[in-house]
Protein backbone atom coordinates (compact mmCIF):
# COMPACT_ATOMS: atom_id res chain seq x y z
CA UNK A 1 0.01 0.00 0.02
CA UNK A 2 1.40 3.35 -0.96
CA UNK A 3 -0.35 6.71 -1.14
CA UNK A 4 1.07 9.97 -2.37
CA UNK A 5 -0.03 13.58 -2.10
CA UNK A 6 2.02 16.39 -3.62
CA UNK A 7 4.03 16.90 -0.45
CA UNK A 8 3.22 13.80 1.59
CA UNK A 9 4.21 10.13 1.23
CA UNK A 10 2.95 7.23 3.30
CA UNK A 11 4.37 3.77 2.86
CA UNK A 12 3.75 0.65 4.86
CA UNK A 13 6.36 -2.02 5.65
CA UNK A 14 5.39 -5.27 7.35
CA UNK A 15 7.70 -7.00 9.82
CA UNK A 16 6.06 -10.16 11.22
CA UNK A 17 2.93 -8.93 13.04
CA UNK A 18 4.05 -5.29 12.98
CA UNK A 19 3.10 -2.73 10.31
CA UNK A 20 5.39 0.29 10.17
CA UNK A 21 3.90 3.42 8.60
CA UNK A 22 6.72 5.55 7.18
CA UNK A 23 5.57 9.16 6.89
CA UNK A 24 7.47 11.73 4.79
CA UNK A 25 6.79 15.31 3.86
CA UNK A 26 3.99 17.48 5.18
CA UNK A 27 1.35 16.03 7.45
CA UNK A 28 -1.45 18.58 6.97
CA UNK A 29 -5.23 18.44 6.87
CA UNK A 30 -5.37 16.50 3.56
CA UNK A 31 -2.59 14.09 4.56
CA UNK A 32 -4.16 13.46 7.98
CA UNK A 33 -7.23 12.03 6.23
CA UNK A 34 -4.99 9.68 4.20
CA UNK A 35 -3.19 8.59 7.35
CA UNK A 36 -6.49 7.78 9.10
CA UNK A 37 -7.70 5.84 6.05
CA UNK A 38 -4.48 3.85 5.83
CA UNK A 39 -4.69 2.93 9.53
CA UNK A 40 -8.36 1.85 9.17
CA UNK A 41 -7.45 -0.27 6.13
CA UNK A 42 -4.65 -1.96 8.05
CA UNK A 43 -6.92 -2.68 11.00
CA UNK A 44 -9.55 -4.09 8.63
CA UNK A 45 -6.82 -6.39 7.29
CA UNK A 46 -6.22 -7.73 10.80
CA UNK A 47 -3.02 -5.85 11.65
CA UNK A 48 -2.74 -5.75 15.44
CA UNK A 49 0.48 -3.71 15.93
CA UNK A 50 1.30 -0.38 14.30
CA UNK A 51 4.37 1.80 14.50
CA UNK A 52 4.62 5.32 13.12
CA UNK A 53 7.99 6.33 11.68
CA UNK A 54 7.76 10.13 11.55
CA UNK A 55 11.43 11.01 11.11
CA UNK A 56 10.75 12.02 7.49
CA UNK A 57 8.08 14.58 8.30
CA UNK A 58 9.08 18.15 7.48
CA UNK A 59 5.88 19.84 8.66
CA UNK A 60 2.90 18.91 10.87
CA UNK A 61 -0.14 21.21 11.20
CA UNK A 62 -2.77 20.90 13.90
CA UNK A 63 -4.80 18.42 11.89
CA UNK A 64 -1.80 16.16 11.43
CA UNK A 65 -0.85 16.42 15.09
CA UNK A 66 -4.41 15.57 16.06
CA UNK A 67 -4.35 12.47 13.82
CA UNK A 68 -1.17 11.31 15.55
CA UNK A 69 -2.62 12.00 19.02
CA UNK A 70 -5.86 10.17 18.13
CA UNK A 71 -3.80 7.11 17.13
CA UNK A 72 -1.92 7.28 20.41
CA UNK A 73 -5.11 7.69 22.38
CA UNK A 74 -6.64 4.73 20.60
CA UNK A 75 -3.62 2.60 21.50
CA UNK A 76 -3.70 3.64 25.16
CA UNK A 77 -7.41 3.01 25.48
CA UNK A 78 -6.89 -0.53 24.36
CA UNK A 79 -8.50 -0.33 20.95
CA UNK A 80 -7.03 -2.73 18.37
CA UNK A 81 -3.71 -1.01 17.49
CA UNK A 82 -1.76 2.15 17.09
């Protein structure tokens, strides 16, 4: 699975039962929606462990930050993965 926006790239790498989402570029309001969709798709596929690799991000707006916080909150509340 790979999705691209003009200034955002999201790629997924699988390692055993772990899916690593590699984020690059600008995580803005448009990209945050793609991130949420990618996570939902992975969960629907049965992925139980997710890791976000954000080292490649060059910009995060409030929508992108909220998407990351929502994933973290979901993980801490015991929902499937994040």
